[in-house]
Amino acid sequence: MKLRIVAVGALLGLAACASTSGPPSYTKEAWDAAVRERGLDPLQVIYPFAVTPRMEDWAREAMTRGTGVLGRLAQLQRGLFDDDEFPFRYVEELTLPASEAFRRMEGNCLSFTSLFVALARSQGFAVRLVEVERVLEASREEGLVVINRHVVAGYPHGGKLYIYDFYENAESRYIGYRIADDVTASALVHTNLGARWLLDEVYAEALNQFILATRLDPGLASAWVNLGVVRRRLGDREGAFEAYRKALEASPGNASALTNLARLYSLQGRHEEARLALLAAARGFSSPYSLVALARLEADRGHYRDARKYLSRARSKGPSIPEVWEAMGDMAEAAGEPDRALRYRARALRLRRALEDEEVAEALETAPRR
């Protein structure tokens, strides 16, 4: 993991995003009350920021080596990145609350960030969980296009929001942010858990997690999108439509919601509606997969110029994605260019084999650590 501390001013998110004051930092008691207001039993919801006496002692010791407010927080973050002092193992699919992440010394970005928030709060620092927007990251897993979102810890100080980033591959710049209250933080945890169940095709459990997340935070678009996906897979198309509609209410123009909505339209034979939904998705921060889908729809309609335009954008966004080059090969063949089609398909094959080699290498590297 890479140590990153970034100070951002009010201009980062512009007027559409939260100011550095943000929502109130809940106590556990206030969190309980807020969860009950949503008609839920707090015992059925994960509170991400609980701490144990051992955690408090560890944080106190780590922060005594720093001076000043920011110095102490920086020292806490350094301690968490010290492999000798804190041998934490990054596991992308593992979402844990802070106390469990500390006990097991493992977890993903959300787990590690929640841990920092909890440790800092145990020493009196009102650190918050912050959702940040970056250039869209997407991957394909188990027949699903997975959109990777990102959270960081944030501490408002001197008119700026100091961000503490715990993602191991965090390189792209932030283009917006939203300070999350603690109930939304719980919703993010349950959304992550639901996504894991969805990838494992355990749909009943995924459904429960996404319903819980949307009840905790009805404005969390990602939870509504995932709820729509699992409902479609369970055969509830009307429920899926409703979930995507809710996602678009929460986040107008949401590319994930529009792309999944297009999938539903296509299944119903409503191809023009599907094309328009994909077109709307492509105008925003859409993934290369959305652009490939739109290109194929345009090609089916004989609109090859538009199809090539979308494929060009897809290649720019995802030059190492095999599906992009496969679509370009199909397009070249349809245009009567067999040599070019062969080159594109050969490149797609090389990229797919490279991805398979990376997966094998990663499995060999991580297997002895289990």
Protein backbone atom coordinates (compact mmCIF):
# COMPACT_ATOMS: atom_id res chain seq x y z
CA MET A 1 0.00 0.00 0.00
CA LYS A 2 1.05 3.56 -0.58
CA LEU A 3 0.94 6.28 2.05
CA ARG A 4 -1.03 9.26 0.83
CA ILE A 5 -2.10 12.39 2.69
CA VAL A 6 -3.75 15.01 0.51
CA ALA A 7 -5.08 18.41 1.57
CA VAL A 8 -7.99 19.60 -0.55
CA GLY A 9 -9.82 22.89 -0.40
CA ALA A 10 -13.43 23.76 -1.00
CA LEU A 11 -12.92 23.94 -4.78
CA LEU A 12 -12.38 20.20 -5.15
CA GLY A 13 -16.01 19.19 -5.21
CA LEU A 14 -17.50 22.52 -6.30
CA ALA A 15 -20.98 23.45 -5.11
CA ALA A 16 -22.47 20.03 -5.81
CA CYS A 17 -20.37 18.31 -3.17
CA ALA A 18 -20.11 18.58 0.57
CA SER A 19 -18.31 21.42 2.26
CA THR A 20 -15.47 20.62 4.62
CA SER A 21 -17.82 20.96 7.59
CA GLY A 22 -19.75 17.90 6.48
CA PRO A 23 -22.50 16.07 8.38
CA PRO A 24 -22.27 15.57 12.14
CA SER A 25 -19.96 12.85 13.41
CA TYR A 26 -22.23 10.36 15.14
CA THR A 27 -21.58 8.70 18.44
CA LYS A 28 -22.59 5.07 18.66
CA GLU A 29 -25.70 6.11 20.60
CA ALA A 30 -26.68 8.66 17.95
CA TRP A 31 -26.05 6.04 15.25
CA ASP A 32 -28.39 3.62 17.08
CA ALA A 33 -31.11 6.28 17.16
CA ALA A 34 -30.64 7.15 13.47
CA VAL A 35 -30.87 3.49 12.47
CA ARG A 36 -34.07 3.05 14.50
CA GLU A 37 -35.55 6.11 12.78
CA ARG A 38 -35.21 4.16 9.53
CA GLY A 39 -37.27 1.34 11.03
CA LEU A 40 -34.30 -0.98 11.51
CA ASP A 41 -32.89 -2.83 14.49
CA PRO A 42 -29.31 -1.65 15.18
CA LEU A 43 -28.39 -5.23 16.08
CA GLN A 44 -29.08 -6.21 12.45
CA VAL A 45 -26.84 -3.46 11.04
CA ILE A 46 -23.05 -3.28 11.02
CA TYR A 47 -21.54 -0.30 12.81
CA PRO A 48 -18.14 0.18 11.10
CA PHE A 49 -16.34 2.25 13.76
CA ALA A 50 -16.58 0.34 17.05
CA VAL A 51 -13.32 0.16 19.02
CA THR A 52 -11.93 -2.12 21.70
CA PRO A 53 -9.70 -1.14 24.65
CA ARG A 54 -6.77 -2.75 22.84
CA MET A 55 -7.41 -0.56 19.80
CA GLU A 56 -7.54 2.56 21.95
CA ASP A 57 -4.23 1.66 23.59
CA TRP A 58 -2.61 0.99 20.21
CA ALA A 59 -3.84 4.31 18.75
CA ARG A 60 -2.71 6.26 21.82
CA GLU A 61 0.78 4.78 21.61
CA ALA A 62 1.05 5.34 17.86
CA MET A 63 -0.04 8.98 18.06
CA THR A 64 2.22 10.02 20.94
CA ARG A 65 5.10 10.12 18.46
CA GLY A 66 3.44 12.94 16.51
CA THR A 67 3.12 16.63 17.36
CA GLY A 68 0.13 18.81 16.64
CA VAL A 69 -3.23 17.70 15.29
CA LEU A 70 -2.11 16.82 11.78
CA GLY A 71 1.19 15.40 13.00
CA ARG A 72 -0.58 12.96 15.30
CA LEU A 73 -2.97 11.81 12.56
CA ALA A 74 -0.07 11.41 10.14
CA GLN A 75 1.76 9.34 12.73
CA LEU A 76 -1.30 7.13 13.17
CA GLN A 77 -1.43 6.53 9.44
CA ARG A 78 2.30 5.76 9.31
CA GLY A 79 1.83 3.22 12.09
CA LEU A 80 -0.87 1.47 10.10
CA PHE A 81 1.46 1.24 7.10
CA ASP A 82 4.40 -0.10 9.13
CA ASP A 83 4.57 -3.81 8.25
CA ASP A 84 6.65 -4.58 11.33
CA GLU A 85 4.34 -2.74 13.70
CA PHE A 86 1.05 -3.47 11.95
CA PRO A 87 1.24 -6.42 9.48
CA PHE A 88 -2.08 -5.78 7.75
CA ARG A 89 -2.95 -7.95 4.71
CA TYR A 90 -4.93 -6.30 1.91
CA VAL A 91 -7.77 -8.59 0.72
CA GLU A 92 -9.91 -6.87 -1.89
CA GLU A 93 -13.05 -8.95 -1.38
CA LEU A 94 -13.01 -8.79 2.43
CA THR A 95 -15.19 -6.05 4.00
CA LEU A 96 -14.91 -5.91 7.80
CA PRO A 97 -15.82 -3.39 10.52
CA ALA A 98 -12.89 -1.69 12.23
CA SER A 99 -12.74 -3.93 15.30
CA GLU A 100 -12.72 -7.10 13.21
CA ALA A 101 -10.17 -5.70 10.76
CA PHE A 102 -7.90 -4.86 13.69
CA ARG A 103 -8.29 -8.30 15.23
CA ARG A 104 -7.68 -10.19 11.99
CA MET A 105 -5.15 -7.73 10.55
CA GLU A 106 -6.74 -7.94 7.10
CA GLY A 107 -9.43 -6.41 4.94
CA ASN A 108 -10.02 -4.20 1.91
CA CYS A 109 -9.92 -0.45 1.32
CA LEU A 110 -13.21 0.18 3.16
CA SER A 111 -12.09 -1.99 6.09
CA PHE A 112 -8.73 -0.25 6.43
CA THR A 113 -10.24 3.21 6.08
CA SER A 114 -12.90 2.42 8.69
CA LEU A 115 -10.11 1.24 10.97
CA PHE A 116 -8.28 4.56 10.66
CA VAL A 117 -11.50 6.48 11.33
CA ALA A 118 -12.26 4.40 14.42
CA LEU A 119 -8.74 4.65 15.84
CA ALA A 120 -8.61 8.41 15.28
CA ARG A 121 -12.01 8.94 16.88
CA SER A 122 -10.95 6.90 19.91
CA GLN A 123 -8.39 9.67 20.55
CA GLY A 124 -10.86 12.51 20.11
CA PHE A 125 -10.33 13.37 16.41
CA ALA A 126 -13.58 13.79 14.40
CA VAL A 127 -12.37 11.93 11.31
CA ARG A 128 -15.06 11.05 8.76
CA LEU A 129 -15.51 8.55 5.99
CA VAL A 130 -15.43 10.29 2.58
CA GLU A 131 -16.67 8.97 -0.76
CA VAL A 132 -14.45 10.29 -3.55
CA GLU A 133 -15.00 10.35 -7.28
CA ARG A 134 -12.16 9.43 -9.59
CA VAL A 135 -11.85 8.44 -13.22
CA LEU A 136 -14.09 5.40 -13.48
CA GLU A 137 -12.45 2.01 -12.89
CA ALA A 138 -14.18 -1.10 -14.18
CA SER A 139 -13.43 -4.79 -14.46
CA ARG A 140 -15.30 -7.93 -15.45
CA GLU A 141 -15.94 -10.66 -12.89
CA GLU A 142 -18.22 -13.70 -13.13
CA GLY A 143 -20.25 -12.25 -15.99
CA LEU A 144 -20.65 -8.87 -14.27
CA VAL A 145 -19.02 -5.53 -15.02
CA VAL A 146 -17.74 -4.38 -11.63
CA ILE A 147 -17.47 -0.62 -11.10
CA ASN A 148 -14.84 0.16 -8.48
CA ARG A 149 -15.73 3.04 -6.17
CA HIS A 150 -13.42 4.51 -3.56
CA VAL A 151 -13.55 5.77 0.01
CA VAL A 152 -10.96 7.63 2.07
CA ALA A 153 -10.78 9.16 5.55
CA GLY A 154 -11.15 12.91 5.88
CA TYR A 155 -10.34 15.40 8.64
CA PRO A 156 -11.47 19.05 8.31
CA HIS A 157 -8.84 21.48 9.54
CA GLY A 158 -8.10 25.11 8.75
CA GLY A 159 -10.66 25.36 5.95
CA LYS A 160 -9.32 22.28 4.18
CA LEU A 161 -10.23 18.62 4.20
CA TYR A 162 -7.16 16.47 4.81
CA ILE A 163 -7.64 13.14 3.07
CA TYR A 164 -5.96 9.92 4.19
CA ASP A 165 -5.98 7.38 1.37
CA PHE A 166 -5.54 3.68 2.10
CA TYR A 167 -6.10 2.17 -1.33
CA GLU A 168 -3.05 0.25 -2.50
CA ASN A 169 -3.32 1.41 -6.13
CA ALA A 170 -4.58 4.97 -5.59
CA GLU A 171 -3.02 7.01 -8.37
CA SER A 172 -5.79 8.88 -10.19
CA ARG A 173 -6.78 12.31 -8.96
CA TYR A 174 -10.05 13.03 -7.23
CA ILE A 175 -12.73 14.85 -9.21
CA GLY A 176 -15.28 15.17 -6.39
CA TYR A 177 -16.10 14.03 -2.90
CA ARG A 178 -18.93 13.58 -0.40
CA ILE A 179 -18.50 13.32 3.36
CA ALA A 180 -20.56 10.36 4.54
CA ASP A 181 -22.35 10.22 7.86
CA ASP A 182 -22.08 7.04 9.90
CA VAL A 183 -25.38 5.57 8.70
CA THR A 184 -24.24 5.96 5.09
CA ALA A 185 -20.97 4.33 6.11
CA SER A 186 -22.98 1.33 7.30
CA ALA A 187 -24.90 1.34 4.01
CA LEU A 188 -21.58 1.21 2.13
CA VAL A 189 -20.49 -1.79 4.21
CA HIS A 190 -23.71 -3.68 3.46
CA THR A 191 -23.48 -2.74 -0.23
CA ASN A 192 -19.98 -4.22 -0.34
CA LEU A 193 -21.14 -7.38 1.40
CA GLY A 194 -24.05 -7.70 -1.00
CA ALA A 195 -21.75 -7.28 -3.99
CA ARG A 196 -19.61 -10.15 -2.73
CA TRP A 197 -22.66 -12.39 -2.40
CA LEU A 198 -23.79 -11.31 -5.87
CA LEU A 199 -20.45 -12.26 -7.40
CA ASP A 200 -20.68 -15.62 -5.62
CA GLU A 201 -24.23 -16.01 -7.02
CA VAL A 202 -25.79 -16.30 -3.55
CA TYR A 203 -28.69 -14.11 -4.61
CA ALA A 204 -30.96 -14.36 -1.56
CA GLU A 205 -28.24 -13.07 0.75
CA ALA A 206 -27.21 -10.40 -1.76
CA LEU A 207 -30.83 -9.24 -1.97
CA ASN A 208 -31.06 -8.89 1.82
CA GLN A 209 -27.86 -6.86 2.00
CA PHE A 210 -28.88 -4.45 -0.78
CA ILE A 211 -32.37 -3.92 0.67
CA LEU A 212 -30.77 -3.12 4.01
CA ALA A 213 -28.33 -0.69 2.36
CA THR A 214 -31.09 1.17 0.51
CA ARG A 215 -33.15 1.48 3.70
CA LEU A 216 -30.13 2.89 5.53
CA ASP A 217 -29.40 5.40 2.77
CA PRO A 218 -32.10 5.82 0.09
CA GLY A 219 -29.75 8.21 -1.73
CA LEU A 220 -27.01 5.61 -2.25
CA ALA A 221 -27.22 4.99 -6.00
CA SER A 222 -24.74 2.11 -6.04
CA ALA A 223 -26.93 0.12 -3.62
CA TRP A 224 -30.00 0.64 -5.84
CA VAL A 225 -28.07 -0.41 -8.97
CA ASN A 226 -26.87 -3.59 -7.28
CA LEU A 227 -30.38 -4.28 -6.00
CA GLY A 228 -31.63 -4.00 -9.57
CA VAL A 229 -29.00 -6.45 -10.80
CA VAL A 230 -29.86 -9.12 -8.24
CA ARG A 231 -33.60 -8.66 -8.80
CA ARG A 232 -33.13 -9.14 -12.55
CA ARG A 233 -31.12 -12.29 -11.92
CA LEU A 234 -33.94 -13.55 -9.69
CA GLY A 235 -36.42 -12.94 -12.51
CA ASP A 236 -38.06 -9.85 -10.98
CA ARG A 237 -37.83 -7.47 -13.92
CA GLU A 238 -40.38 -5.00 -12.56
CA GLY A 239 -38.46 -4.84 -9.29
CA ALA A 240 -35.26 -4.29 -11.25
CA PHE A 241 -36.81 -1.42 -13.22
CA GLU A 242 -37.93 0.20 -9.98
CA ALA A 243 -34.44 -0.16 -8.44
CA TYR A 244 -32.77 1.46 -11.46
CA ARG A 245 -35.34 4.26 -11.36
CA LYS A 246 -34.44 4.88 -7.71
CA ALA A 247 -30.76 4.89 -8.61
CA LEU A 248 -31.37 7.54 -11.26
CA GLU A 249 -33.41 9.61 -8.80
CA ALA A 250 -30.44 9.54 -6.43
CA SER A 251 -27.86 10.10 -9.17
CA PRO A 252 -29.28 11.45 -12.46
CA GLY A 253 -27.27 10.22 -15.41
CA ASN A 254 -25.70 7.37 -13.39
CA ALA A 255 -23.90 5.30 -16.03
CA SER A 256 -24.24 1.99 -14.15
CA ALA A 257 -27.99 2.41 -13.72
CA LEU A 258 -28.46 3.39 -17.37
CA THR A 259 -26.35 0.51 -18.66
CA ASN A 260 -28.29 -2.02 -16.60
CA LEU A 261 -31.54 -0.40 -17.65
CA ALA A 262 -30.47 -0.90 -21.27
CA ARG A 263 -29.90 -4.59 -20.52
CA LEU A 264 -33.47 -4.88 -19.25
CA TYR A 265 -34.86 -3.11 -22.30
CA SER A 266 -32.90 -5.46 -24.58
CA LEU A 267 -34.30 -8.53 -22.81
CA GLN A 268 -37.78 -7.17 -23.53
CA GLY A 269 -36.97 -6.51 -27.17
CA ARG A 270 -37.21 -2.74 -26.64
CA HIS A 271 -34.07 -2.04 -28.61
CA GLU A 272 -34.60 1.67 -29.21
CA GLU A 273 -35.05 2.31 -25.48
CA ALA A 274 -31.92 0.24 -24.85
CA ARG A 275 -29.96 2.29 -27.38
CA LEU A 276 -31.06 5.56 -25.81
CA ALA A 277 -30.18 4.38 -22.30
CA LEU A 278 -26.71 3.35 -23.44
CA LEU A 279 -26.33 6.64 -25.27
CA ALA A 280 -27.12 8.50 -22.05
CA ALA A 281 -24.61 6.33 -20.15
CA ALA A 282 -21.91 6.96 -22.73
CA ARG A 283 -22.22 10.72 -22.32
CA GLY A 284 -21.08 10.49 -18.72
CA PHE A 285 -18.24 8.69 -16.95
CA SER A 286 -19.17 5.39 -18.58
CA SER A 287 -17.05 2.26 -18.61
CA PRO A 288 -15.44 0.87 -21.78
CA TYR A 289 -17.90 -2.03 -21.60
CA SER A 290 -20.85 0.37 -21.89
CA LEU A 291 -19.28 1.97 -24.93
CA VAL A 292 -18.66 -1.43 -26.54
CA ALA A 293 -22.31 -2.37 -25.96
CA LEU A 294 -23.46 0.89 -27.51
CA ALA A 295 -21.14 0.39 -30.49
CA ARG A 296 -22.59 -3.07 -31.12
CA LEU A 297 -26.12 -1.71 -30.97
CA GLU A 298 -25.26 1.01 -33.47
CA ALA A 299 -23.58 -1.53 -35.76
CA ASP A 300 -26.69 -3.72 -35.66
CA ARG A 301 -28.67 -0.72 -36.88
CA GLY A 302 -26.17 -0.15 -39.68
CA HIS A 303 -24.79 3.03 -38.12
CA TYR A 304 -21.13 2.10 -38.49
CA ARG A 305 -19.78 5.61 -38.21
CA ASP A 306 -21.35 6.04 -34.77
CA ALA A 307 -20.26 2.54 -33.80
CA ARG A 308 -16.63 3.31 -34.65
CA LYS A 309 -16.85 6.55 -32.66
CA TYR A 310 -17.93 4.68 -29.53
CA LEU A 311 -15.30 1.99 -30.04
CA SER A 312 -12.67 4.70 -30.34
CA ARG A 313 -13.75 6.08 -26.97
CA ALA A 314 -13.79 2.57 -25.50
CA ARG A 315 -10.24 1.96 -26.72
CA SER A 316 -9.11 5.25 -25.22
CA LYS A 317 -10.66 4.39 -21.85
CA GLY A 318 -9.67 0.71 -21.81
CA PRO A 319 -6.79 -0.07 -24.19
CA SER A 320 -5.99 -3.31 -22.34
CA ILE A 321 -9.54 -4.70 -22.30
CA PRO A 322 -9.91 -7.69 -24.67
CA GLU A 323 -13.62 -7.06 -25.33
CA VAL A 324 -12.78 -3.70 -26.89
CA TRP A 325 -10.45 -5.24 -29.47
CA GLU A 326 -12.84 -8.13 -30.13
CA ALA A 327 -15.56 -5.63 -30.97
CA MET A 328 -13.16 -3.74 -33.21
CA GLY A 329 -12.37 -6.99 -34.99
CA ASP A 330 -16.06 -7.67 -35.59
CA MET A 331 -16.48 -4.14 -36.87
CA ALA A 332 -13.56 -4.48 -39.27
CA GLU A 333 -14.90 -7.76 -40.62
CA ALA A 334 -18.35 -6.24 -41.17
CA ALA A 335 -16.64 -3.42 -43.08
CA GLY A 336 -14.92 -5.94 -45.39
CA GLU A 337 -11.44 -5.53 -43.85
CA PRO A 338 -10.42 -9.11 -42.95
CA ASP A 339 -6.73 -8.33 -42.41
CA ARG A 340 -7.49 -5.59 -39.92
CA ALA A 341 -10.08 -7.81 -38.23
CA LEU A 342 -7.44 -10.51 -37.84
CA ARG A 343 -4.97 -8.07 -36.25
CA TYR A 344 -7.56 -6.76 -33.80
CA ARG A 345 -8.65 -10.25 -32.78
CA ALA A 346 -5.05 -11.35 -32.37
CA ARG A 347 -4.46 -8.44 -30.02
CA ALA A 348 -7.60 -9.30 -28.07
CA LEU A 349 -6.33 -12.87 -27.71
CA ARG A 350 -2.93 -11.69 -26.46
CA LEU A 351 -4.56 -9.40 -23.90
CA ARG A 352 -6.88 -12.16 -22.69
CA ARG A 353 -3.96 -14.56 -22.29
CA ALA A 354 -1.98 -11.90 -20.43
CA LEU A 355 -4.87 -11.40 -18.03
CA GLU A 356 -5.08 -15.15 -17.45
CA ASP A 357 -1.33 -15.28 -16.79
CA GLU A 358 -1.65 -12.44 -14.26
CA GLU A 359 -4.46 -14.29 -12.46
CA VAL A 360 -2.36 -17.46 -12.26
CA ALA A 361 0.67 -15.53 -11.00
CA GLU A 362 -1.42 -13.77 -8.37
CA ALA A 363 -2.88 -17.08 -7.19
CA LEU A 364 0.59 -18.59 -6.87
CA GLU A 365 1.81 -15.55 -4.96
CA THR A 366 -1.05 -15.43 -2.47
CA ALA A 367 -1.61 -19.16 -1.93
CA PRO A 368 1.24 -19.64 0.61
CA ARG A 369 -0.12 -16.77 2.74
CA ARG A 370 -3.48 -18.42 3.39
